[in-house]
Amino acid sequence: MSLNLIRTRTLLQSFDFKTLFIEELGWGRYTTTLDVSIDGQNYALRAIAEKRGMVASFCEPAIDGSIPDHPIRRKKNTWNSGKGYRETSKRSID
């Protein structure tokens, strides 16, 4: 399967990660929401695709439109690792 670079770029620019992972990269569908509480702040990580134990998920921005800063994102990575995922690929949508 050859990667369509133009379509891939379009999907990235439109933040359509679900289509990117499933249709372009050939990952399997995986839909679940993981609620994470870090430093008193709640985050919802929405899984969109899975391949061989690796889960692609994204975090919606806060109500004010802000995305978590780097130390919080690192803590979410650690939290996911503790839940049995080998690795995660997360994106915060702004």
Protein backbone atom coordinates (compact mmCIF):
# COMPACT_ATOMS: atom_id res chain seq x y z
CA MET A 1 0.00 0.00 0.00
CA SER A 2 1.48 3.30 -1.10
CA LEU A 3 1.00 6.41 1.03
CA ASN A 4 -0.85 9.20 -0.76
CA LEU A 5 1.16 12.22 0.39
CA ILE A 6 -1.28 14.83 -0.90
CA ARG A 7 -4.25 13.23 0.89
CA THR A 8 -2.16 12.68 4.01
CA ARG A 9 -1.15 16.35 4.09
CA THR A 10 -4.78 17.42 3.56
CA LEU A 11 -5.98 15.19 6.42
CA LEU A 12 -3.27 16.55 8.73
CA GLN A 13 -4.09 20.15 7.88
CA SER A 14 -7.80 19.55 8.51
CA PHE A 15 -7.08 17.69 11.79
CA ASP A 16 -8.91 14.59 10.48
CA PHE A 17 -6.77 12.11 12.40
CA LYS A 18 -9.37 9.35 12.45
CA THR A 19 -9.47 9.17 8.64
CA LEU A 20 -5.70 9.51 8.46
CA PHE A 21 -4.99 6.58 10.78
CA ILE A 22 -7.76 4.26 9.57
CA GLU A 23 -7.98 4.92 5.83
CA GLU A 24 -4.49 6.12 4.94
CA LEU A 25 -2.29 4.28 7.43
CA GLY A 26 -4.36 1.09 7.69
CA TRP A 27 -4.89 1.09 11.45
CA GLY A 28 -7.90 -0.62 13.03
CA ARG A 29 -10.89 1.22 14.45
CA TYR A 30 -10.71 1.75 18.19
CA THR A 31 -13.19 3.93 20.00
CA THR A 32 -13.03 4.56 23.69
CA THR A 33 -12.62 7.54 25.95
CA LEU A 34 -10.14 7.55 28.80
CA ASP A 35 -10.83 10.05 31.54
CA VAL A 36 -7.61 11.26 33.11
CA SER A 37 -7.21 13.46 36.17
CA ILE A 38 -3.79 15.11 36.46
CA ASP A 39 -2.95 17.77 39.03
CA GLY A 40 -6.65 18.31 39.72
CA GLN A 41 -7.51 18.91 36.07
CA ASN A 42 -9.69 16.43 34.12
CA TYR A 43 -8.87 15.45 30.54
CA ALA A 44 -10.71 13.17 28.12
CA LEU A 45 -8.44 11.21 25.80
CA ARG A 46 -10.42 9.89 22.86
CA ALA A 47 -8.92 6.83 21.20
CA ILE A 48 -9.46 6.75 17.45
CA ALA A 49 -7.32 3.90 16.11
CA GLU A 50 -5.18 0.96 17.20
CA LYS A 51 -2.47 -1.14 15.64
CA ARG A 52 -0.59 -3.95 17.41
CA GLY A 53 -1.14 -2.49 20.88
CA MET A 54 -0.34 1.09 19.93
CA VAL A 55 -3.27 3.45 20.40
CA ALA A 56 -3.72 6.78 18.64
CA SER A 57 -5.78 9.18 20.71
CA PHE A 58 -6.33 12.89 21.02
CA CYS A 59 -7.21 15.32 23.74
CA GLU A 60 -9.86 17.96 23.17
CA PRO A 61 -8.83 21.49 24.17
CA ALA A 62 -10.14 22.97 27.39
CA ILE A 63 -13.32 25.05 27.34
CA ASP A 64 -11.20 28.19 27.01
CA GLY A 65 -9.45 26.71 23.95
CA SER A 66 -6.11 26.09 25.66
CA ILE A 67 -4.17 22.87 25.26
CA PRO A 68 -2.22 21.19 28.07
CA ASP A 69 1.36 22.34 28.48
CA HIS A 70 4.29 19.98 27.96
CA PRO A 71 4.67 18.70 31.57
CA ILE A 72 0.97 17.75 31.65
CA ARG A 73 1.21 16.00 28.26
CA ARG A 74 4.18 13.99 29.59
CA LYS A 75 2.14 12.95 32.63
CA LYS A 76 -0.66 11.78 30.32
CA ASN A 77 1.87 9.64 28.44
CA THR A 78 2.93 8.06 31.73
CA TRP A 79 -0.71 7.54 32.71
CA ASN A 80 -1.46 5.75 29.43
CA SER A 81 1.61 3.54 29.75
CA GLY A 82 0.34 2.41 33.15
CA LYS A 83 -2.96 1.39 31.59
CA GLY A 84 -1.39 -1.29 29.43
CA TYR A 85 -0.73 0.56 26.20
CA ARG A 86 2.77 0.04 24.85
CA GLU A 87 2.79 3.51 23.36
CA THR A 88 0.43 6.23 22.41
CA SER A 89 0.28 8.84 19.74
CA LYS A 90 -1.74 11.77 21.01
CA ARG A 91 -2.55 15.11 19.54
CA SER A 92 -4.21 18.05 21.20
CA ILE A 93 -6.64 19.77 18.90
CA ASP A 94 -6.77 23.56 19.11
